[in-house]
Amino acid sequence: MKIRTVNILLSSAVLGISALVPTVASAAASPTHTSSLPHAGVCTQIPFHVSLAPGKPAKNQYVSGTFCRPFKQDKSRTIDVLLHGASYDRTYWDSAYDYPQYSYVERTLQAGRAVFYYDRLGVDKSSRLPSKSVTMDADAYVAHQIIQHFKPAYHSVDLIGHSYGARIAVLETSQYNDATRLIVTDNLHGVVGPAIVNHELVDYPANQDPLFAGQHLDDGWLTDVPGERGTFYYLPGADPNEIAYDDAHRAILSQTEFDQGQDIGRVPAGSNVTNKITRPVLLVLGQEDALYCGLALDCTNPTNVLNNEKPYYTSAASLDARTIPNTGHDIALHLSAQDSFNAINAWIGQ
């Protein structure tokens, strides 16, 4: 989540998993390759062709994703589809820093579930588009196409989003309700914390940042101002070297999509799209998340979080909340990461 800006100068044959994943007839022709991290499974990166909207040119864009199947598949035959947040890419869920401390992907594979995580539209290795073409609806429709692709091969599909990725996951589920379960991490409604009130989060055009030099990004592609990543952390519960690593691996976000997401989030509970969600929902939040907690909402008690969100999920099959001590906004990147992963894993398996 950000609040303001400043202007500062798959083919199954390739994967060898025909029994587990239906053919990705639209996989791009560029080479696939396996992950270099020592996962508890086989991981292959693939470009996955998608359309931006129903009725639009068929699969004329692609998202770059990583599919992993565990060495020992759980009998439930479940796959987790992971959405990263704004100014992050897919590695939020599979950080190479101090691996596997911060890898949700590894925890999923250890639990016997498959996983697919990808760079959202315009980010890193996915289709580079004009920033105005990357919208909430487009990203939600991409997630829908991915879920539909995996459903024939898996009994259950979990859709899991971080921060702005959670907001996209919520939109996708409100429109399609096709995932088996929805896990919303680091995203609440109707409350703001001190980081928002104090304007601690600032973005600027990514074309002014040396990290993105030569990428010919339009001014609507933004990134975090260098050195601002600490706002996503509860510093006593984080490794400062990991925060520095995170800052050095910033990604981009679409101003258009961000503004749309903000507007959706401001819609009152009775009219919010979340009320169309009929699937079981789990909310996971760091107790020290400065974007939401510490002013109007005390997040040390998960009941408070649950009560805050209940009016937004009136049609959900169930609604549960877990709050993680000594943890800020990026639950996957704190020293408590394994606690967060275990909480999600336990809920999925219940």
Protein backbone atom coordinates (compact mmCIF):
# COMPACT_ATOMS: atom_id res chain seq x y z
CA MET A 1 0.00 0.00 0.00
CA LYS A 2 1.22 3.51 -0.87
CA ILE A 3 -0.46 6.87 -0.34
CA ARG A 4 1.24 9.54 -2.43
CA THR A 5 3.82 10.13 -5.11
CA VAL A 6 6.60 12.64 -5.54
CA ASN A 7 8.53 13.74 -8.61
CA ILE A 8 12.23 13.31 -7.79
CA LEU A 9 15.04 13.69 -10.21
CA LEU A 10 3.49 -23.60 -19.79
CA SER A 11 3.96 -26.45 -21.54
CA SER A 12 3.41 -29.69 -19.45
CA ALA A 13 5.71 -31.63 -21.74
CA VAL A 14 8.51 -29.21 -20.95
CA LEU A 15 7.73 -29.42 -17.25
CA GLY A 16 7.46 -33.19 -17.23
CA ILE A 17 4.25 -32.99 -15.22
CA SER A 18 1.59 -34.06 -17.66
CA ALA A 19 -0.16 -36.05 -14.96
CA LEU A 20 -0.47 -33.00 -12.72
CA VAL A 21 -0.91 -29.97 -14.96
CA PRO A 22 -2.98 -29.67 -18.14
CA THR A 23 -1.17 -28.54 -21.25
CA VAL A 24 -0.35 -24.83 -21.41
CA ALA A 25 -1.07 -24.52 -25.09
CA SER A 26 -0.33 -20.81 -24.95
CA ALA A 27 3.12 -21.06 -23.37
CA ALA A 28 5.53 -18.70 -25.10
CA ALA A 29 8.36 -20.01 -27.20
CA SER A 30 11.15 -18.58 -25.03
CA PRO A 31 13.15 -21.21 -23.10
CA THR A 32 12.04 -22.47 -19.72
CA HIS A 33 14.50 -23.19 -16.95
CA THR A 34 14.43 -24.63 -13.47
CA SER A 35 14.86 -22.62 -10.30
CA SER A 36 18.36 -22.43 -8.84
CA LEU A 37 17.06 -22.56 -5.25
CA PRO A 38 17.12 -25.99 -3.57
CA HIS A 39 13.38 -26.44 -3.21
CA ALA A 40 11.61 -29.50 -1.83
CA GLY A 41 10.25 -30.06 -5.31
CA VAL A 42 10.82 -29.45 -9.00
CA CYS A 43 10.42 -25.81 -10.06
CA THR A 44 10.27 -24.53 -13.63
CA GLN A 45 9.80 -20.98 -14.86
CA ILE A 46 7.34 -20.53 -17.71
CA PRO A 47 5.80 -17.63 -19.62
CA PHE A 48 2.03 -18.05 -19.37
CA HIS A 49 0.01 -16.35 -22.10
CA VAL A 50 -3.09 -14.44 -21.00
CA SER A 51 -5.75 -12.01 -22.22
CA LEU A 52 -6.31 -8.68 -20.46
CA ALA A 53 -10.11 -8.95 -20.44
CA PRO A 54 -12.90 -11.22 -21.60
CA GLY A 55 -13.44 -10.74 -25.32
CA LYS A 56 -10.08 -9.03 -25.81
CA PRO A 57 -7.45 -10.44 -28.21
CA ALA A 58 -6.88 -14.00 -27.12
CA LYS A 59 -3.79 -14.47 -24.97
CA ASN A 60 -1.75 -11.67 -26.55
CA GLN A 61 0.19 -10.93 -23.33
CA TYR A 62 2.05 -13.13 -20.87
CA VAL A 63 3.04 -13.31 -17.24
CA SER A 64 6.30 -14.94 -16.25
CA GLY A 65 5.64 -17.52 -13.57
CA THR A 66 7.25 -20.34 -11.64
CA PHE A 67 5.45 -23.65 -11.25
CA CYS A 68 6.70 -26.02 -8.53
CA ARG A 69 5.47 -29.51 -7.78
CA PRO A 70 6.50 -31.15 -4.50
CA PHE A 71 8.58 -34.29 -4.36
CA LYS A 72 5.81 -35.76 -2.22
CA GLN A 73 2.36 -34.61 -3.35
CA ASP A 74 -0.24 -34.28 -0.59
CA LYS A 75 -3.27 -36.52 -1.12
CA SER A 76 -5.46 -33.41 -1.24
CA ARG A 77 -3.88 -32.49 -4.60
CA THR A 78 -3.79 -28.75 -3.80
CA ILE A 79 -2.01 -25.87 -5.50
CA ASP A 80 -1.33 -22.40 -4.10
CA VAL A 81 -1.46 -19.48 -6.54
CA LEU A 82 0.47 -16.51 -5.14
CA LEU A 83 0.08 -12.79 -5.93
CA HIS A 84 2.78 -10.31 -4.88
CA GLY A 85 2.15 -6.74 -3.78
CA ALA A 86 2.85 -3.34 -5.31
CA SER A 87 6.55 -2.54 -5.90
CA TYR A 88 7.38 -6.24 -5.43
CA ASP A 89 7.73 -9.13 -7.85
CA ARG A 90 7.19 -12.89 -7.46
CA THR A 91 10.34 -13.26 -5.32
CA TYR A 92 8.42 -11.74 -2.39
CA TRP A 93 7.16 -15.30 -1.87
CA ASP A 94 10.51 -16.98 -2.48
CA SER A 95 13.28 -14.70 -1.31
CA ALA A 96 16.82 -15.87 -2.01
CA TYR A 97 18.10 -13.96 1.02
CA ASP A 98 18.98 -16.38 3.86
CA TYR A 99 17.06 -19.07 1.99
CA PRO A 100 14.75 -20.76 2.99
CA GLN A 101 13.95 -18.52 5.98
CA TYR A 102 11.73 -16.23 3.91
CA SER A 103 10.40 -18.68 1.32
CA TYR A 104 6.69 -19.39 1.49
CA VAL A 105 7.18 -21.46 -1.66
CA GLU A 106 9.48 -23.84 0.19
CA ARG A 107 7.03 -24.16 3.09
CA THR A 108 4.24 -24.97 0.66
CA LEU A 109 6.28 -27.67 -1.06
CA GLN A 110 7.24 -29.19 2.29
CA ALA A 111 3.52 -29.42 3.06
CA GLY A 112 3.00 -31.40 -0.15
CA ARG A 113 1.18 -28.71 -2.14
CA ALA A 114 2.12 -27.47 -5.58
CA VAL A 115 2.58 -23.74 -6.14
CA PHE A 116 2.44 -21.22 -8.97
CA TYR A 117 3.73 -17.69 -8.40
CA TYR A 118 4.30 -15.06 -11.04
CA ASP A 119 5.26 -11.50 -11.88
CA ARG A 120 2.06 -9.54 -12.34
CA LEU A 121 1.40 -7.61 -15.57
CA GLY A 122 4.20 -5.20 -16.45
CA VAL A 123 6.48 -6.36 -13.64
CA ASP A 124 9.98 -7.77 -14.14
CA LYS A 125 9.86 -10.58 -16.72
CA SER A 126 6.15 -10.34 -17.59
CA SER A 127 4.76 -8.40 -20.56
CA ARG A 128 5.91 -4.79 -20.41
CA LEU A 129 2.84 -2.66 -21.04
CA PRO A 130 1.91 1.02 -20.86
CA SER A 131 1.11 1.74 -17.22
CA LYS A 132 -2.48 2.72 -18.05
CA SER A 133 -3.10 -0.75 -19.52
CA VAL A 134 -2.38 -2.42 -16.20
CA THR A 135 -5.60 -2.22 -14.20
CA MET A 136 -7.20 -4.01 -11.27
CA ASP A 137 -9.66 -5.73 -13.60
CA ALA A 138 -6.88 -6.87 -15.95
CA ASP A 139 -4.80 -8.37 -13.15
CA ALA A 140 -7.89 -10.01 -11.63
CA TYR A 141 -8.72 -11.55 -15.00
CA VAL A 142 -5.17 -12.85 -15.36
CA ALA A 143 -5.48 -14.55 -11.96
CA HIS A 144 -8.80 -16.02 -13.07
CA GLN A 145 -7.23 -17.52 -16.21
CA ILE A 146 -4.45 -19.05 -14.15
CA ILE A 147 -6.88 -20.58 -11.65
CA GLN A 148 -8.99 -22.00 -14.47
CA HIS A 149 -5.88 -23.52 -16.02
CA PHE A 150 -4.93 -25.44 -12.88
CA LYS A 151 -8.39 -26.49 -11.67
CA PRO A 152 -8.73 -29.56 -13.91
CA ALA A 153 -5.57 -31.08 -12.44
CA TYR A 154 -6.02 -30.10 -8.78
CA HIS A 155 -8.79 -30.79 -6.31
CA SER A 156 -8.21 -27.46 -4.55
CA VAL A 157 -6.76 -24.11 -5.59
CA ASP A 158 -5.75 -21.61 -2.90
CA LEU A 159 -5.49 -17.96 -3.98
CA ILE A 160 -3.08 -16.09 -1.71
CA GLY A 161 -2.27 -12.40 -2.02
CA HIS A 162 0.09 -9.99 -0.30
CA SER A 163 -0.96 -6.35 0.23
CA TYR A 164 -2.01 -5.05 -3.19
CA GLY A 165 -1.87 -8.58 -4.51
CA ALA A 166 -4.41 -9.43 -1.82
CA ARG A 167 -6.65 -6.65 -3.09
CA ILE A 168 -6.43 -8.14 -6.59
CA ALA A 169 -7.14 -11.61 -5.18
CA VAL A 170 -10.20 -10.19 -3.42
CA LEU A 171 -11.42 -8.61 -6.67
CA GLU A 172 -10.85 -11.84 -8.61
CA THR A 173 -12.76 -13.87 -6.05
CA SER A 174 -15.62 -11.37 -5.86
CA GLN A 175 -16.03 -11.63 -9.63
CA TYR A 176 -15.45 -15.35 -10.20
CA ASN A 177 -15.42 -17.23 -6.85
CA ASP A 178 -13.42 -19.97 -8.54
CA ALA A 179 -10.60 -20.53 -6.04
CA THR A 180 -11.29 -23.06 -3.30
CA ARG A 181 -9.96 -20.78 -0.56
CA LEU A 182 -8.84 -17.14 -0.32
CA ILE A 183 -5.97 -16.02 1.91
CA VAL A 184 -5.66 -12.24 2.34
CA THR A 185 -2.37 -11.11 3.88
CA ASP A 186 -1.46 -7.56 4.87
CA ASN A 187 -4.67 -5.93 3.68
CA LEU A 188 -7.57 -4.48 5.68
CA HIS A 189 -10.49 -2.12 5.09
CA GLY A 190 -11.50 1.17 6.66
CA VAL A 191 -8.51 1.73 8.96
CA VAL A 192 -5.16 3.46 8.61
CA GLY A 193 -2.06 3.29 10.76
CA PRO A 194 0.68 5.81 11.58
CA ALA A 195 2.65 5.12 8.38
CA ILE A 196 -0.30 6.40 6.34
CA VAL A 197 -1.13 9.32 8.61
CA ASN A 198 2.50 10.44 8.67
CA HIS A 199 2.96 10.08 4.89
CA GLU A 200 5.89 7.72 5.34
CA LEU A 201 5.42 5.85 2.05
CA VAL A 202 6.47 7.71 -1.06
CA ASP A 203 6.68 6.61 -4.70
CA TYR A 204 8.26 8.30 -7.68
CA PRO A 205 8.58 7.58 -11.42
CA ALA A 206 10.61 4.42 -11.89
CA ASN A 207 12.29 5.93 -14.97
CA GLN A 208 14.16 8.22 -12.55
CA ASP A 209 15.56 5.28 -10.58
CA PRO A 210 18.90 3.72 -11.60
CA LEU A 211 17.45 0.26 -10.93
CA PHE A 212 15.25 0.66 -14.02
CA ALA A 213 17.57 2.60 -16.31
CA GLY A 214 17.15 1.79 -19.99
CA GLN A 215 13.76 0.12 -19.59
CA HIS A 216 11.86 2.98 -21.30
CA LEU A 217 9.13 3.11 -18.67
CA ASP A 218 6.45 5.78 -18.96
CA ASP A 219 5.89 8.16 -16.06
CA GLY A 220 2.93 6.11 -14.80
CA TRP A 221 5.22 3.30 -13.71
CA LEU A 222 6.29 4.03 -10.13
CA THR A 223 8.63 2.54 -7.55
CA ASP A 224 9.45 3.18 -3.89
CA VAL A 225 11.88 5.96 -3.13
CA PRO A 226 15.18 4.26 -2.19
CA GLY A 227 15.58 3.75 1.53
CA GLU A 228 11.82 3.69 2.25
CA ARG A 229 11.41 -0.08 2.55
CA GLY A 230 11.81 -0.01 6.32
CA THR A 231 8.24 1.28 6.62
CA PHE A 232 7.02 -2.18 5.63
CA TYR A 233 8.82 -3.70 8.63
CA TYR A 234 8.61 -3.81 12.39
CA LEU A 235 12.29 -3.13 12.86
CA PRO A 236 12.79 -5.07 16.14
CA GLY A 237 11.39 -8.12 14.35
CA ALA A 238 13.42 -7.89 11.16
CA ASP A 239 16.95 -8.46 9.91
CA PRO A 240 18.40 -5.10 8.74
CA ASN A 241 20.43 -6.90 6.09
CA GLU A 242 17.25 -8.44 4.70
CA ILE A 243 15.64 -4.97 4.56
CA ALA A 244 18.65 -3.71 2.61
CA TYR A 245 18.35 -6.69 0.25
CA ASP A 246 14.66 -5.92 -0.20
CA ASP A 247 15.38 -2.27 -0.97
CA ALA A 248 17.95 -3.27 -3.58
CA HIS A 249 15.39 -5.50 -5.33
CA ARG A 250 12.47 -3.09 -5.63
CA ALA A 251 10.01 -3.56 -8.49
CA ILE A 252 7.50 -1.28 -10.21
CA LEU A 253 3.79 -0.55 -9.88
CA SER A 254 1.18 1.03 -12.14
CA GLN A 255 -0.18 4.37 -10.94
CA THR A 256 -3.44 3.59 -12.74
CA GLU A 257 -3.88 0.26 -11.01
CA PHE A 258 -2.87 1.67 -7.65
CA ASP A 259 -5.42 4.48 -7.83
CA GLN A 260 -8.16 2.03 -8.83
CA GLY A 261 -7.29 -0.25 -5.94
CA GLN A 262 -7.43 2.65 -3.51
CA ASP A 263 -10.89 3.58 -4.79
CA ILE A 264 -12.14 0.00 -4.42
CA GLY A 265 -10.81 -0.18 -0.89
CA ARG A 266 -12.67 2.98 0.14
CA VAL A 267 -16.11 1.63 -0.83
CA PRO A 268 -18.21 1.16 2.35
CA ALA A 269 -18.69 -2.33 3.70
CA GLY A 270 -22.27 -2.77 2.53
CA SER A 271 -21.38 -1.93 -1.06
CA ASN A 272 -17.85 -3.31 -1.26
CA VAL A 273 -17.06 -6.07 -3.76
CA THR A 274 -15.91 -8.27 -0.88
CA ASN A 275 -19.53 -8.98 -0.01
CA LYS A 276 -19.78 -11.07 -3.19
CA ILE A 277 -17.13 -13.50 -1.97
CA THR A 278 -18.59 -16.89 -1.05
CA ARG A 279 -15.39 -18.85 -0.39
CA PRO A 280 -13.67 -19.45 2.97
CA VAL A 281 -11.37 -16.51 3.78
CA LEU A 282 -8.33 -16.27 6.03
CA LEU A 283 -6.90 -12.89 7.04
CA VAL A 284 -3.25 -12.79 8.12
CA LEU A 285 -1.68 -9.62 9.48
CA GLY A 286 1.40 -8.54 11.36
CA GLN A 287 0.47 -7.19 14.77
CA GLU A 288 2.79 -4.21 14.19
CA ASP A 289 1.66 -3.42 10.63
CA ALA A 290 2.06 0.38 10.62
CA LEU A 291 -0.15 0.74 7.54
CA TYR A 292 -3.24 -0.43 9.46
CA CYS A 293 -2.49 -0.99 13.13
CA GLY A 294 -1.70 1.18 16.11
CA LEU A 295 -4.26 3.99 15.88
CA ALA A 296 -7.92 3.03 15.48
CA LEU A 297 -7.17 -0.70 15.44
CA ASP A 298 -5.24 -2.77 17.99
CA CYS A 299 -3.98 -5.73 15.99
CA THR A 300 -2.46 -7.61 18.90
CA ASN A 301 -5.84 -9.31 19.27
CA PRO A 302 -6.99 -11.18 16.13
CA THR A 303 -10.60 -10.73 17.27
CA ASN A 304 -10.25 -6.99 16.66
CA VAL A 305 -9.10 -7.64 13.10
CA LEU A 306 -11.90 -10.12 12.56
CA ASN A 307 -14.54 -7.69 13.84
CA ASN A 308 -13.17 -4.93 11.62
CA GLU A 309 -13.44 -7.10 8.51
CA LYS A 310 -16.69 -9.01 9.14
CA PRO A 311 -18.90 -6.31 7.60
CA TYR A 312 -16.93 -6.65 4.35
CA TYR A 313 -17.23 -10.44 4.02
CA THR A 314 -20.90 -11.07 4.77
CA SER A 315 -21.27 -13.83 2.14
CA ALA A 316 -18.02 -15.70 2.83
CA ALA A 317 -18.39 -19.36 3.74
CA SER A 318 -16.19 -18.62 6.75
CA LEU A 319 -13.89 -15.84 7.94
CA ASP A 320 -10.84 -16.37 10.16
CA ALA A 321 -8.01 -14.10 11.26
CA ARG A 322 -4.46 -14.69 12.45
CA THR A 323 -2.16 -11.94 13.68
CA ILE A 324 1.58 -12.48 13.93
CA PRO A 325 3.56 -10.95 16.85
CA ASN A 326 6.68 -8.82 16.26
CA THR A 327 5.76 -8.45 12.59
CA GLY A 328 5.03 -5.51 10.32
CA HIS A 329 3.44 -5.25 6.87
CA ASP A 330 5.60 -7.74 4.96
CA ILE A 331 4.78 -10.90 6.89
CA ALA A 332 6.90 -13.09 4.59
CA LEU A 333 10.05 -11.03 5.17
CA HIS A 334 10.25 -10.83 8.96
CA LEU A 335 12.12 -13.10 11.33
CA SER A 336 8.67 -14.50 12.17
CA ALA A 337 8.11 -15.61 8.57
CA GLN A 338 7.85 -19.28 9.49
CA ASP A 339 5.13 -18.44 12.04
CA SER A 340 3.12 -16.76 9.29
CA PHE A 341 3.68 -19.64 6.90
CA ASN A 342 2.70 -22.18 9.57
CA ALA A 343 -0.51 -20.25 10.34
CA ILE A 344 -1.53 -20.28 6.67
CA ASN A 345 -0.55 -23.93 6.25
CA ALA A 346 -2.51 -25.00 9.33
CA TRP A 347 -5.63 -23.18 8.15
CA ILE A 348 -5.44 -24.73 4.67
CA GLY A 349 -5.05 -28.18 6.18
CA GLN A 350 -7.83 -27.96 8.75
